[in-house]
Amino acid sequence: MNVVRLVRRAKKGSKEALLQLIMSEKDVYYKLAFTYMGNSHDALDAMEDMIVRLYEKIDQLKKEEAFYSWSKTILVNSCKSLLQKRNKLVLFDDWNTTNEKVLPHALTSDPYSSSDQQMDMQALLMHINNHQREAIQLKYLHDLDYQTIAGITNVSIVTVKSRIFQGLKRLRDHYRGDVHE
């Protein structure tokens, strides 16, 4: 699949080309939306909102090869917008109702699958602030690079690196019992 060619066709009004682009990454989009929304129904709502926005704004995309990072940014913004409308906190609020455990570095078809080496990630992540939690999840659960995370969260790469570093440091300290609150 040639992303640039499909994006150019989508810009010319081809709904089929846009659908091909979206469907080729549907699992990635779902996992990202699920991370923010905490349940399948809301994740699908966010994806639906993203698709509408992509269709309406595809002509604003300047670099065709950046379609996937651009679309993930739109998805994250859709999630945050929906959460704001529903007065929910960003990330993992309803997680207890879906899954209790998550293996941080293993991504399978279900982003929160369990294994023998599982840990209670939700409880652990509650010990860091929302910005650190978001950056760590985007980096380690979704394997996004610093540049992409910076674009999604609308901060500099330095800020992303700092949030991840400080969040991981705080998690290590908490895990070892060196909590300084």
N, C-alpha and C. Protein backbone atom coordinates (compact mmCIF):
# COMPACT_ATOMS: atom_id res chain seq x y z
N MET A 1 0.84 -1.19 0.00
CA MET A 1 0.00 0.00 0.00
C MET A 1 0.89 1.25 0.00
N ASN A 2 0.65 2.12 -0.91
CA ASN A 2 1.40 3.36 -0.99
C ASN A 2 0.59 4.46 -0.30
N VAL A 3 1.05 4.85 0.87
CA VAL A 3 0.33 5.83 1.70
C VAL A 3 0.19 7.16 0.98
N VAL A 4 1.26 7.63 0.38
CA VAL A 4 1.24 8.94 -0.29
C VAL A 4 0.20 8.95 -1.41
N ARG A 5 0.18 7.88 -2.20
CA ARG A 5 -0.78 7.81 -3.30
C ARG A 5 -2.22 7.77 -2.78
N LEU A 6 -2.46 6.99 -1.73
CA LEU A 6 -3.80 6.92 -1.15
C LEU A 6 -4.23 8.26 -0.56
N VAL A 7 -3.32 8.96 0.11
CA VAL A 7 -3.64 10.26 0.69
C VAL A 7 -3.99 11.25 -0.42
N ARG A 8 -3.23 11.22 -1.48
CA ARG A 8 -3.53 12.13 -2.61
C ARG A 8 -4.91 11.85 -3.20
N ARG A 9 -5.26 10.57 -3.31
CA ARG A 9 -6.59 10.21 -3.80
C ARG A 9 -7.67 10.66 -2.82
N ALA A 10 -7.40 10.50 -1.53
CA ALA A 10 -8.36 10.92 -0.50
C ALA A 10 -8.56 12.44 -0.54
N LYS A 11 -7.48 13.16 -0.78
CA LYS A 11 -7.59 14.62 -0.89
C LYS A 11 -8.44 15.05 -2.08
N LYS A 12 -8.48 14.20 -3.10
CA LYS A 12 -9.29 14.49 -4.28
C LYS A 12 -10.74 14.04 -4.09
N GLY A 13 -11.05 13.53 -2.88
CA GLY A 13 -12.43 13.16 -2.59
C GLY A 13 -12.72 11.68 -2.57
N SER A 14 -11.72 10.83 -2.71
CA SER A 14 -11.95 9.39 -2.70
C SER A 14 -12.17 8.87 -1.29
N LYS A 15 -13.42 8.52 -1.00
CA LYS A 15 -13.76 7.95 0.33
C LYS A 15 -13.13 6.57 0.47
N GLU A 16 -13.03 5.85 -0.64
CA GLU A 16 -12.44 4.51 -0.62
C GLU A 16 -10.97 4.57 -0.22
N ALA A 17 -10.23 5.54 -0.73
CA ALA A 17 -8.81 5.69 -0.38
C ALA A 17 -8.66 6.01 1.11
N LEU A 18 -9.50 6.91 1.61
CA LEU A 18 -9.45 7.26 3.03
C LEU A 18 -9.79 6.04 3.88
N LEU A 19 -10.77 5.28 3.46
CA LEU A 19 -11.16 4.07 4.19
C LEU A 19 -10.02 3.06 4.21
N GLN A 20 -9.31 2.90 3.10
CA GLN A 20 -8.16 1.99 3.04
C GLN A 20 -7.09 2.42 4.04
N LEU A 21 -6.82 3.72 4.09
CA LEU A 21 -5.81 4.24 5.03
C LEU A 21 -6.22 3.94 6.47
N ILE A 22 -7.46 4.19 6.79
CA ILE A 22 -7.95 3.99 8.16
C ILE A 22 -7.97 2.50 8.51
N MET A 23 -8.48 1.68 7.63
CA MET A 23 -8.61 0.25 7.91
C MET A 23 -7.26 -0.43 8.06
N SER A 24 -6.25 0.05 7.39
CA SER A 24 -4.93 -0.58 7.50
C SER A 24 -4.32 -0.39 8.89
N GLU A 25 -4.80 0.60 9.64
CA GLU A 25 -4.29 0.88 10.98
C GLU A 25 -5.39 0.84 12.04
N LYS A 26 -6.51 0.18 11.74
CA LYS A 26 -7.66 0.21 12.63
C LYS A 26 -7.34 -0.32 14.03
N ASP A 27 -6.53 -1.36 14.13
CA ASP A 27 -6.18 -1.91 15.44
C ASP A 27 -5.34 -0.93 16.25
N VAL A 28 -4.44 -0.24 15.58
CA VAL A 28 -3.60 0.76 16.25
C VAL A 28 -4.47 1.91 16.76
N TYR A 29 -5.39 2.36 15.92
CA TYR A 29 -6.31 3.43 16.33
C TYR A 29 -7.16 2.99 17.52
N TYR A 30 -7.67 1.77 17.46
CA TYR A 30 -8.53 1.28 18.54
C TYR A 30 -7.76 1.22 19.87
N LYS A 31 -6.55 0.67 19.83
CA LYS A 31 -5.75 0.57 21.06
C LYS A 31 -5.47 1.95 21.64
N LEU A 32 -5.16 2.89 20.77
CA LEU A 32 -4.89 4.26 21.23
C LEU A 32 -6.15 4.87 21.85
N ALA A 33 -7.27 4.73 21.18
CA ALA A 33 -8.53 5.28 21.71
C ALA A 33 -8.92 4.59 23.00
N PHE A 34 -8.73 3.28 23.07
CA PHE A 34 -9.07 2.53 24.28
C PHE A 34 -8.24 2.99 25.47
N THR A 35 -6.98 3.32 25.23
CA THR A 35 -6.11 3.81 26.30
C THR A 35 -6.69 5.06 26.94
N TYR A 36 -7.20 5.96 26.13
CA TYR A 36 -7.76 7.20 26.63
C TYR A 36 -9.17 7.01 27.20
N MET A 37 -9.99 6.26 26.51
CA MET A 37 -11.41 6.19 26.85
C MET A 37 -11.74 5.16 27.92
N GLY A 38 -10.95 4.10 28.02
CA GLY A 38 -11.15 3.12 29.08
C GLY A 38 -12.19 2.04 28.80
N ASN A 39 -12.95 2.18 27.72
CA ASN A 39 -13.90 1.12 27.37
C ASN A 39 -14.12 1.11 25.86
N SER A 40 -14.60 -0.02 25.40
CA SER A 40 -14.74 -0.24 23.96
C SER A 40 -15.74 0.71 23.31
N HIS A 41 -16.88 0.91 23.94
CA HIS A 41 -17.92 1.76 23.36
C HIS A 41 -17.41 3.19 23.12
N ASP A 42 -16.79 3.79 24.14
CA ASP A 42 -16.28 5.15 24.00
C ASP A 42 -15.11 5.21 23.03
N ALA A 43 -14.29 4.15 22.99
CA ALA A 43 -13.17 4.12 22.04
C ALA A 43 -13.70 4.14 20.61
N LEU A 44 -14.75 3.38 20.36
CA LEU A 44 -15.34 3.37 19.02
C LEU A 44 -15.98 4.71 18.68
N ASP A 45 -16.59 5.36 19.67
CA ASP A 45 -17.14 6.71 19.45
C ASP A 45 -16.04 7.69 19.04
N ALA A 46 -14.91 7.60 19.73
CA ALA A 46 -13.78 8.49 19.42
C ALA A 46 -13.25 8.21 18.01
N MET A 47 -13.18 6.95 17.64
CA MET A 47 -12.72 6.60 16.30
C MET A 47 -13.69 7.12 15.24
N GLU A 48 -14.96 7.03 15.52
CA GLU A 48 -15.96 7.55 14.58
C GLU A 48 -15.79 9.06 14.40
N ASP A 49 -15.57 9.76 15.51
CA ASP A 49 -15.35 11.20 15.46
C ASP A 49 -14.08 11.51 14.66
N MET A 50 -13.03 10.71 14.86
CA MET A 50 -11.78 10.90 14.12
C MET A 50 -12.02 10.75 12.62
N ILE A 51 -12.77 9.73 12.24
CA ILE A 51 -13.01 9.48 10.81
C ILE A 51 -13.73 10.67 10.17
N VAL A 52 -14.71 11.21 10.86
CA VAL A 52 -15.43 12.37 10.34
C VAL A 52 -14.48 13.55 10.19
N ARG A 53 -13.65 13.79 11.22
CA ARG A 53 -12.69 14.90 11.15
C ARG A 53 -11.67 14.71 10.04
N LEU A 54 -11.19 13.47 9.86
CA LEU A 54 -10.23 13.20 8.79
C LEU A 54 -10.85 13.51 7.44
N TYR A 55 -12.08 13.08 7.25
CA TYR A 55 -12.76 13.32 5.98
C TYR A 55 -12.92 14.82 5.73
N GLU A 56 -13.28 15.55 6.78
CA GLU A 56 -13.50 17.00 6.63
C GLU A 56 -12.21 17.78 6.44
N LYS A 57 -11.10 17.29 7.01
CA LYS A 57 -9.87 18.08 7.04
C LYS A 57 -8.71 17.49 6.25
N ILE A 58 -8.94 16.43 5.48
CA ILE A 58 -7.85 15.78 4.76
C ILE A 58 -7.11 16.75 3.85
N ASP A 59 -7.81 17.74 3.32
CA ASP A 59 -7.15 18.70 2.43
C ASP A 59 -6.18 19.62 3.17
N GLN A 60 -6.24 19.65 4.51
CA GLN A 60 -5.34 20.48 5.31
C GLN A 60 -4.00 19.80 5.58
N LEU A 61 -3.91 18.50 5.31
CA LEU A 61 -2.67 17.76 5.53
C LEU A 61 -1.64 18.19 4.50
N LYS A 62 -0.52 18.71 4.97
CA LYS A 62 0.50 19.23 4.06
C LYS A 62 1.44 18.14 3.55
N LYS A 63 1.86 17.23 4.42
CA LYS A 63 2.79 16.17 4.03
C LYS A 63 2.04 14.84 4.03
N GLU A 64 1.83 14.29 2.86
CA GLU A 64 1.08 13.05 2.73
C GLU A 64 1.65 11.91 3.57
N GLU A 65 2.99 11.84 3.64
CA GLU A 65 3.64 10.76 4.37
C GLU A 65 3.42 10.85 5.89
N ALA A 66 2.92 11.98 6.36
CA ALA A 66 2.66 12.18 7.78
C ALA A 66 1.21 11.84 8.16
N PHE A 67 0.49 11.18 7.26
CA PHE A 67 -0.93 10.90 7.50
C PHE A 67 -1.17 10.21 8.82
N TYR A 68 -0.40 9.16 9.14
CA TYR A 68 -0.69 8.38 10.33
C TYR A 68 -0.41 9.13 11.62
N SER A 69 0.66 9.89 11.69
CA SER A 69 0.89 10.68 12.91
C SER A 69 -0.15 11.79 13.03
N TRP A 70 -0.53 12.38 11.91
CA TRP A 70 -1.57 13.42 11.90
C TRP A 70 -2.91 12.84 12.35
N SER A 71 -3.26 11.67 11.82
CA SER A 71 -4.54 11.06 12.18
C SER A 71 -4.56 10.61 13.64
N LYS A 72 -3.44 10.17 14.18
CA LYS A 72 -3.38 9.80 15.60
C LYS A 72 -3.55 11.03 16.48
N THR A 73 -3.00 12.15 16.06
CA THR A 73 -3.20 13.40 16.80
C THR A 73 -4.67 13.77 16.81
N ILE A 74 -5.33 13.64 15.68
CA ILE A 74 -6.76 13.93 15.60
C ILE A 74 -7.54 12.97 16.50
N LEU A 75 -7.15 11.70 16.54
CA LEU A 75 -7.83 10.73 17.40
C LEU A 75 -7.66 11.09 18.87
N VAL A 76 -6.46 11.43 19.28
CA VAL A 76 -6.23 11.81 20.67
C VAL A 76 -7.05 13.05 21.03
N ASN A 77 -7.08 14.02 20.13
CA ASN A 77 -7.89 15.22 20.38
C ASN A 77 -9.38 14.88 20.47
N SER A 78 -9.83 13.94 19.65
CA SER A 78 -11.23 13.49 19.73
C SER A 78 -11.50 12.83 21.08
N CYS A 79 -10.58 12.00 21.54
CA CYS A 79 -10.73 11.36 22.84
C CYS A 79 -10.81 12.39 23.96
N LYS A 80 -9.88 13.33 23.93
CA LYS A 80 -9.86 14.35 24.97
C LYS A 80 -11.13 15.20 24.94
N SER A 81 -11.61 15.50 23.75
CA SER A 81 -12.83 16.28 23.62
C SER A 81 -14.04 15.52 24.18
N LEU A 82 -14.14 14.24 23.84
CA LEU A 82 -15.24 13.43 24.36
C LEU A 82 -15.16 13.29 25.87
N LEU A 83 -13.95 13.10 26.38
CA LEU A 83 -13.78 12.98 27.83
C LEU A 83 -14.17 14.27 28.54
N GLN A 84 -13.79 15.38 27.95
CA GLN A 84 -14.12 16.67 28.54
C GLN A 84 -15.64 16.86 28.57
N LYS A 85 -16.30 16.46 27.52
CA LYS A 85 -17.75 16.58 27.46
C LYS A 85 -18.43 15.70 28.51
N ARG A 86 -17.82 14.60 28.82
CA ARG A 86 -18.42 13.65 29.76
C ARG A 86 -17.86 13.80 31.17
N ASN A 87 -17.06 14.84 31.38
CA ASN A 87 -16.47 15.12 32.69
C ASN A 87 -15.73 13.93 33.27
N LYS A 88 -14.91 13.30 32.44
CA LYS A 88 -14.10 12.19 32.91
C LYS A 88 -12.64 12.63 32.96
N LEU A 89 -11.86 11.96 33.76
CA LEU A 89 -10.43 12.20 33.77
C LEU A 89 -9.82 11.47 32.58
N VAL A 90 -8.72 12.02 32.07
CA VAL A 90 -8.04 11.40 30.94
C VAL A 90 -7.30 10.15 31.43
N LEU A 91 -7.47 9.06 30.67
CA LEU A 91 -6.73 7.82 30.83
C LEU A 91 -7.13 6.97 32.04
N PHE A 92 -7.60 5.81 31.78
CA PHE A 92 -7.80 4.73 32.74
C PHE A 92 -8.89 4.93 33.79
N ASP A 93 -9.79 5.89 33.67
CA ASP A 93 -10.82 6.06 34.69
C ASP A 93 -11.73 4.87 34.85
N ASP A 94 -12.16 4.30 33.75
CA ASP A 94 -13.09 3.19 33.81
C ASP A 94 -12.40 1.85 33.61
N TRP A 95 -11.12 1.82 33.84
CA TRP A 95 -10.34 0.64 33.56
C TRP A 95 -10.74 -0.55 34.41
N ASN A 96 -11.13 -0.32 35.66
CA ASN A 96 -11.52 -1.42 36.53
C ASN A 96 -12.68 -2.21 35.94
N THR A 97 -13.53 -1.57 35.18
CA THR A 97 -14.69 -2.27 34.61
C THR A 97 -14.32 -3.07 33.38
N THR A 98 -13.12 -2.88 32.84
CA THR A 98 -12.74 -3.63 31.64
C THR A 98 -11.70 -4.69 31.94
N ASN A 99 -10.53 -4.28 32.40
CA ASN A 99 -9.46 -5.23 32.71
C ASN A 99 -8.68 -4.74 33.91
N GLU A 100 -8.26 -5.67 34.72
CA GLU A 100 -7.52 -5.31 35.93
C GLU A 100 -6.01 -5.25 35.70
N LYS A 101 -5.49 -6.02 34.79
CA LYS A 101 -4.04 -6.16 34.66
C LYS A 101 -3.58 -5.82 33.25
N VAL A 102 -2.30 -5.45 33.16
CA VAL A 102 -1.72 -5.18 31.84
C VAL A 102 -0.24 -5.47 31.90
N LEU A 103 0.28 -6.07 30.86
CA LEU A 103 1.71 -6.28 30.71
C LEU A 103 2.25 -5.11 29.90
N PRO A 104 3.13 -4.28 30.46
CA PRO A 104 3.47 -3.01 29.84
C PRO A 104 4.14 -3.08 28.47
N HIS A 105 4.93 -4.09 28.18
CA HIS A 105 5.65 -4.07 26.90
C HIS A 105 5.06 -5.00 25.86
N ALA A 106 4.05 -5.76 26.20
CA ALA A 106 3.49 -6.71 25.24
C ALA A 106 2.20 -6.16 24.67
N LEU A 107 2.19 -5.98 23.37
CA LEU A 107 0.97 -5.56 22.70
C LEU A 107 0.52 -6.71 21.82
N THR A 108 -0.67 -7.20 22.09
CA THR A 108 -1.26 -8.23 21.26
C THR A 108 -2.50 -7.63 20.66
N SER A 109 -3.43 -8.46 20.22
CA SER A 109 -4.65 -7.91 19.65
C SER A 109 -5.44 -7.15 20.70
N ASP A 110 -5.34 -7.53 21.96
CA ASP A 110 -5.95 -6.80 23.07
C ASP A 110 -4.83 -6.05 23.78
N PRO A 111 -4.90 -4.72 23.84
CA PRO A 111 -3.78 -3.97 24.42
C PRO A 111 -3.59 -4.22 25.91
N TYR A 112 -4.53 -4.87 26.55
CA TYR A 112 -4.43 -5.07 27.99
C TYR A 112 -4.49 -6.54 28.37
N SER A 113 -3.85 -7.39 27.57
CA SER A 113 -3.88 -8.82 27.84
C SER A 113 -3.00 -9.15 29.05
N SER A 114 -3.34 -10.25 29.71
CA SER A 114 -2.63 -10.67 30.91
C SER A 114 -1.62 -11.75 30.57
N SER A 115 -0.64 -11.97 31.47
CA SER A 115 0.32 -13.06 31.34
C SER A 115 0.82 -13.38 32.74
N ASP A 116 1.75 -14.36 32.82
CA ASP A 116 2.30 -14.75 34.12
C ASP A 116 3.08 -13.61 34.77
N GLN A 117 3.62 -12.70 33.96
CA GLN A 117 4.46 -11.62 34.47
C GLN A 117 3.69 -10.31 34.61
N GLN A 118 2.35 -10.40 34.72
CA GLN A 118 1.55 -9.19 34.76
C GLN A 118 1.75 -8.40 36.05
N MET A 119 1.44 -7.14 35.99
CA MET A 119 1.51 -6.27 37.16
C MET A 119 0.30 -5.36 37.14
N ASP A 120 -0.05 -4.85 38.25
CA ASP A 120 -1.22 -3.99 38.30
C ASP A 120 -0.80 -2.59 37.84
N MET A 121 -0.80 -2.42 36.52
CA MET A 121 -0.32 -1.19 35.90
C MET A 121 -1.19 0.01 36.29
N GLN A 122 -2.47 -0.18 36.36
CA GLN A 122 -3.36 0.93 36.68
C GLN A 122 -3.02 1.53 38.04
N ALA A 123 -2.89 0.69 39.04
CA ALA A 123 -2.58 1.18 40.39
C ALA A 123 -1.22 1.87 40.40
N LEU A 124 -0.27 1.32 39.70
CA LEU A 124 1.07 1.91 39.64
C LEU A 124 1.03 3.28 38.96
N LEU A 125 0.31 3.38 37.86
CA LEU A 125 0.27 4.65 37.11
C LEU A 125 -0.50 5.75 37.84
N MET A 126 -1.27 5.40 38.82
CA MET A 126 -2.00 6.41 39.59
C MET A 126 -1.06 7.24 40.47
N HIS A 127 0.20 6.81 40.58
CA HIS A 127 1.18 7.51 41.42
C HIS A 127 1.94 8.60 40.67
N ILE A 128 1.59 8.82 39.41
CA ILE A 128 2.22 9.89 38.64
C ILE A 128 1.13 10.79 38.08
N ASN A 129 1.52 11.99 37.65
CA ASN A 129 0.50 12.92 37.16
C ASN A 129 0.01 12.54 35.76
N ASN A 130 -1.08 13.15 35.33
CA ASN A 130 -1.72 12.80 34.06
C ASN A 130 -0.79 12.99 32.86
N HIS A 131 0.02 14.04 32.86
CA HIS A 131 0.93 14.28 31.74
C HIS A 131 1.98 13.18 31.64
N GLN A 132 2.54 12.80 32.78
CA GLN A 132 3.54 11.73 32.79
C GLN A 132 2.91 10.41 32.37
N ARG A 133 1.73 10.13 32.88
CA ARG A 133 1.01 8.89 32.56
C ARG A 133 0.75 8.81 31.05
N GLU A 134 0.26 9.91 30.49
CA GLU A 134 -0.04 9.95 29.07
C GLU A 134 1.22 9.69 28.24
N ALA A 135 2.31 10.37 28.56
CA ALA A 135 3.55 10.22 27.80
C ALA A 135 4.10 8.79 27.91
N ILE A 136 4.06 8.22 29.10
CA ILE A 136 4.56 6.85 29.30
C ILE A 136 3.70 5.85 28.54
N GLN A 137 2.39 6.03 28.58
CA GLN A 137 1.52 5.11 27.86
C GLN A 137 1.73 5.21 26.35
N LEU A 138 1.84 6.41 25.83
CA LEU A 138 2.05 6.57 24.40
C LEU A 138 3.40 5.97 23.97
N LYS A 139 4.40 6.12 24.81
CA LYS A 139 5.74 5.60 24.49
C LYS A 139 5.79 4.08 24.60
N TYR A 140 5.31 3.52 25.72
CA TYR A 140 5.52 2.10 25.97
C TYR A 140 4.34 1.20 25.63
N LEU A 141 3.13 1.69 25.70
CA LEU A 141 1.99 0.86 25.30
C LEU A 141 1.73 0.94 23.81
N HIS A 142 2.05 2.09 23.21
CA HIS A 142 1.77 2.29 21.79
C HIS A 142 3.02 2.40 20.94
N ASP A 143 4.19 2.34 21.58
CA ASP A 143 5.47 2.33 20.89
C ASP A 143 5.63 3.51 19.94
N LEU A 144 5.18 4.69 20.38
CA LEU A 144 5.32 5.89 19.57
C LEU A 144 6.65 6.56 19.87
N ASP A 145 7.23 7.22 18.87
CA ASP A 145 8.49 7.91 19.09
C ASP A 145 8.23 9.28 19.74
N TYR A 146 9.29 9.90 20.24
CA TYR A 146 9.17 11.18 20.95
C TYR A 146 8.53 12.27 20.09
N GLN A 147 8.91 12.31 18.81
CA GLN A 147 8.39 13.32 17.90
C GLN A 147 6.87 13.19 17.76
N THR A 148 6.40 11.97 17.58
CA THR A 148 4.96 11.72 17.44
C THR A 148 4.22 12.08 18.72
N ILE A 149 4.79 11.69 19.86
CA ILE A 149 4.16 12.01 21.14
C ILE A 149 4.10 13.52 21.33
N ALA A 150 5.16 14.21 20.96
CA ALA A 150 5.19 15.67 21.06
C ALA A 150 4.08 16.28 20.21
N GLY A 151 3.89 15.76 19.01
CA GLY A 151 2.83 16.26 18.15
C GLY A 151 1.45 15.98 18.70
N ILE A 152 1.24 14.79 19.23
CA ILE A 152 -0.06 14.41 19.78
C ILE A 152 -0.41 15.25 21.00
N THR A 153 0.58 15.46 21.87
CA THR A 153 0.32 16.16 23.13
C THR A 153 0.55 17.67 23.03
N ASN A 154 1.03 18.12 21.88
CA ASN A 154 1.24 19.54 21.63
C ASN A 154 2.24 20.18 22.59
N VAL A 155 3.34 19.45 22.84
CA VAL A 155 4.44 19.97 23.65
C VAL A 155 5.75 19.67 22.93
N SER A 156 6.85 20.19 23.43
CA SER A 156 8.14 19.96 22.79
C SER A 156 8.65 18.54 23.09
N ILE A 157 9.60 18.09 22.28
CA ILE A 157 10.22 16.78 22.49
C ILE A 157 10.92 16.75 23.85
N VAL A 158 11.55 17.85 24.22
CA VAL A 158 12.22 17.93 25.52
C VAL A 158 11.22 17.71 26.66
N THR A 159 10.04 18.30 26.53
CA THR A 159 9.01 18.14 27.55
C THR A 159 8.54 16.69 27.61
N VAL A 160 8.37 16.06 26.45
CA VAL A 160 7.97 14.65 26.42
C VAL A 160 9.01 13.79 27.12
N LYS A 161 10.28 13.99 26.78
CA LYS A 161 11.35 13.21 27.40
C LYS A 161 11.39 13.44 28.91
N SER A 162 11.21 14.67 29.32
CA SER A 162 11.20 14.99 30.74
C SER A 162 10.04 14.31 31.47
N ARG A 163 8.86 14.35 30.86
CA ARG A 163 7.69 13.72 31.48
C ARG A 163 7.90 12.21 31.64
N ILE A 164 8.47 11.60 30.62
CA ILE A 164 8.72 10.16 30.69
C ILE A 164 9.78 9.87 31.74
N PHE A 165 10.88 10.61 31.71
CA PHE A 165 11.96 10.39 32.67
C PHE A 165 11.47 10.59 34.11
N GLN A 166 10.80 11.71 34.36
CA GLN A 166 10.33 12.00 35.72
C GLN A 166 9.26 11.00 36.16
N GLY A 167 8.38 10.62 35.24
CA GLY A 167 7.35 9.64 35.57
C GLY A 167 7.94 8.28 35.92
N LEU A 168 8.89 7.83 35.10
CA LEU A 168 9.53 6.54 35.37
C LEU A 168 10.33 6.58 36.67
N LYS A 169 11.00 7.70 36.92
CA LYS A 169 11.75 7.85 38.17
C LYS A 169 10.81 7.77 39.36
N ARG A 170 9.69 8.44 39.27
CA ARG A 170 8.72 8.42 40.37
C ARG A 170 8.13 7.02 40.55
N LEU A 171 7.88 6.32 39.46
CA LEU A 171 7.38 4.95 39.55
C LEU A 171 8.40 4.02 40.18
N ARG A 172 9.69 4.17 39.78
CA ARG A 172 10.75 3.36 40.38
C ARG A 172 10.85 3.62 41.87
N ASP A 173 10.82 4.90 42.24
CA ASP A 173 10.90 5.25 43.66
C ASP A 173 9.73 4.67 44.43
N HIS A 174 8.55 4.78 43.86
CA HIS A 174 7.36 4.24 44.54
C HIS A 174 7.43 2.72 44.66
N TYR A 175 7.86 2.07 43.60
CA TYR A 175 7.94 0.61 43.58
C TYR A 175 8.94 0.13 44.63
N ARG A 176 10.04 0.85 44.79
CA ARG A 176 11.05 0.49 45.79
C ARG A 176 10.68 0.94 47.20
N GLY A 177 9.65 1.76 47.29
CA GLY A 177 9.25 2.25 48.61
C GLY A 177 9.91 3.57 48.99
N ASP A 178 10.56 4.23 48.03
CA ASP A 178 11.24 5.50 48.30
C ASP A 178 10.32 6.68 47.98
N VAL A 179 9.08 6.61 48.39
CA VAL A 179 8.11 7.65 48.04
C VAL A 179 8.37 8.92 48.86
N HIS A 180 8.49 10.04 48.13
CA HIS A 180 8.72 11.34 48.77
C HIS A 180 7.62 12.29 48.35
N GLU A 181 6.46 12.15 48.95
CA GLU A 181 5.34 13.01 48.52
C GLU A 181 5.16 14.17 49.40
